[in-house]
Amino acid sequence: MGFIGWIVLGLIAGALAKLILPGKQGGGFFATLILGVVGALLGGFLGGLIFDVDLADFWSWQTWLLAIGGAIIVLLIWGLIFGRKKSARD
């Protein structure tokens, strides 16, 4: 799978991760999609190293699970670092 395939996969994985984790991370929808692309690349890279999975097939369920899992991890880390701060009124 080429770079464009990973971008498309990451955009979709980021949107699905946003549906799974609504409102837990800062930034808008566009930032969530960018983080999804980063998470998909990270999930694919780590999955290839750890599980020795061939991630060349766009329609493989392993590829999708690793991409969505990576996007969720990146969104959780982003939410912990840059999440909404409580104000004095809350």
Protein backbone atom coordinates (compact mmCIF):
# COMPACT_ATOMS: atom_id res chain seq x y z
CA MET A 1 0.00 0.00 0.00
CA GLY A 2 1.39 3.37 -0.98
CA PHE A 3 1.61 6.63 0.89
CA ILE A 4 -1.73 7.88 -0.50
CA GLY A 5 -3.38 4.68 0.70
CA TRP A 6 -2.07 5.31 4.22
CA ILE A 7 -3.36 8.89 4.09
CA VAL A 8 -6.86 7.73 3.11
CA LEU A 9 -6.75 4.93 5.67
CA GLY A 10 -5.59 7.39 8.33
CA LEU A 11 -8.36 9.88 7.56
CA ILE A 12 -10.99 7.17 7.90
CA ALA A 13 -9.31 5.69 10.99
CA GLY A 14 -9.13 9.16 12.56
CA ALA A 15 -12.82 9.73 11.95
CA LEU A 16 -13.66 6.34 13.48
CA ALA A 17 -11.38 7.03 16.45
CA LYS A 18 -13.18 10.37 16.93
CA LEU A 19 -16.49 8.49 17.00
CA ILE A 20 -15.11 6.08 19.58
CA LEU A 21 -13.56 8.86 21.72
CA PRO A 22 -15.87 11.86 21.34
CA GLY A 23 -14.89 15.04 23.14
CA LYS A 24 -11.83 13.67 24.93
CA GLN A 25 -9.18 15.47 22.91
CA GLY A 26 -8.54 19.10 22.14
CA GLY A 27 -8.55 20.49 18.64
CA GLY A 28 -11.18 20.38 15.99
CA PHE A 29 -12.25 17.73 13.55
CA PHE A 30 -9.42 18.57 11.11
CA ALA A 31 -6.83 18.15 13.87
CA THR A 32 -8.41 14.83 14.79
CA LEU A 33 -8.11 13.63 11.20
CA ILE A 34 -4.44 14.64 11.04
CA LEU A 35 -3.83 12.82 14.31
CA GLY A 36 -5.66 9.85 12.81
CA VAL A 37 -3.23 9.77 9.89
CA VAL A 38 -0.31 9.89 12.32
CA GLY A 39 -1.93 7.15 14.41
CA ALA A 40 -2.57 4.96 11.38
CA LEU A 41 1.05 5.28 10.30
CA LEU A 42 2.20 4.57 13.86
CA GLY A 43 -0.17 1.63 14.26
CA GLY A 44 0.87 0.17 10.93
CA PHE A 45 4.55 0.58 11.70
CA LEU A 46 4.32 -0.92 15.19
CA GLY A 47 1.97 -3.67 14.05
CA GLY A 48 4.40 -4.64 11.34
CA LEU A 49 7.25 -4.76 13.83
CA ILE A 50 5.46 -6.45 16.74
CA PHE A 51 2.99 -8.78 15.00
CA ASP A 52 4.91 -9.25 11.72
CA VAL A 53 1.71 -8.49 9.80
CA ASP A 54 1.92 -7.72 6.09
CA LEU A 55 0.16 -4.37 5.79
CA ALA A 56 0.22 -4.15 2.02
CA ASP A 57 -3.51 -4.83 1.57
CA PHE A 58 -5.84 -1.84 2.02
CA TRP A 59 -8.89 -4.07 2.55
CA SER A 60 -7.32 -6.34 5.16
CA TRP A 61 -9.03 -6.29 8.56
CA GLN A 62 -5.61 -6.44 10.29
CA THR A 63 -4.58 -3.22 8.56
CA TRP A 64 -7.79 -1.49 9.61
CA LEU A 65 -7.60 -2.67 13.23
CA LEU A 66 -3.99 -1.54 13.55
CA ALA A 67 -4.76 1.83 11.96
CA ILE A 68 -7.78 2.47 14.18
CA GLY A 69 -5.91 1.26 17.27
CA GLY A 70 -2.96 3.53 16.48
CA ALA A 71 -5.30 6.48 15.91
CA ILE A 72 -7.03 5.86 19.25
CA ILE A 73 -3.66 5.71 21.04
CA VAL A 74 -2.49 8.96 19.45
CA LEU A 75 -5.82 10.67 20.26
CA LEU A 76 -5.64 9.49 23.88
CA ILE A 77 -2.10 10.82 24.24
CA TRP A 78 -3.11 14.10 22.58
CA GLY A 79 -6.08 14.39 24.96
CA LEU A 80 -3.87 13.80 27.99
CA ILE A 81 -1.36 16.42 26.91
CA PHE A 82 -3.57 19.08 25.34
CA GLY A 83 -7.01 18.28 26.72
CA ARG A 84 -9.45 20.84 27.92
CA LYS A 85 -8.32 22.68 31.01
CA LYS A 86 -10.80 23.23 33.80
CA SER A 87 -11.57 26.87 34.46
CA ALA A 88 -12.28 28.39 37.84
CA ARG A 89 -16.03 28.38 37.05
CA ASP A 90 -16.20 24.58 36.48
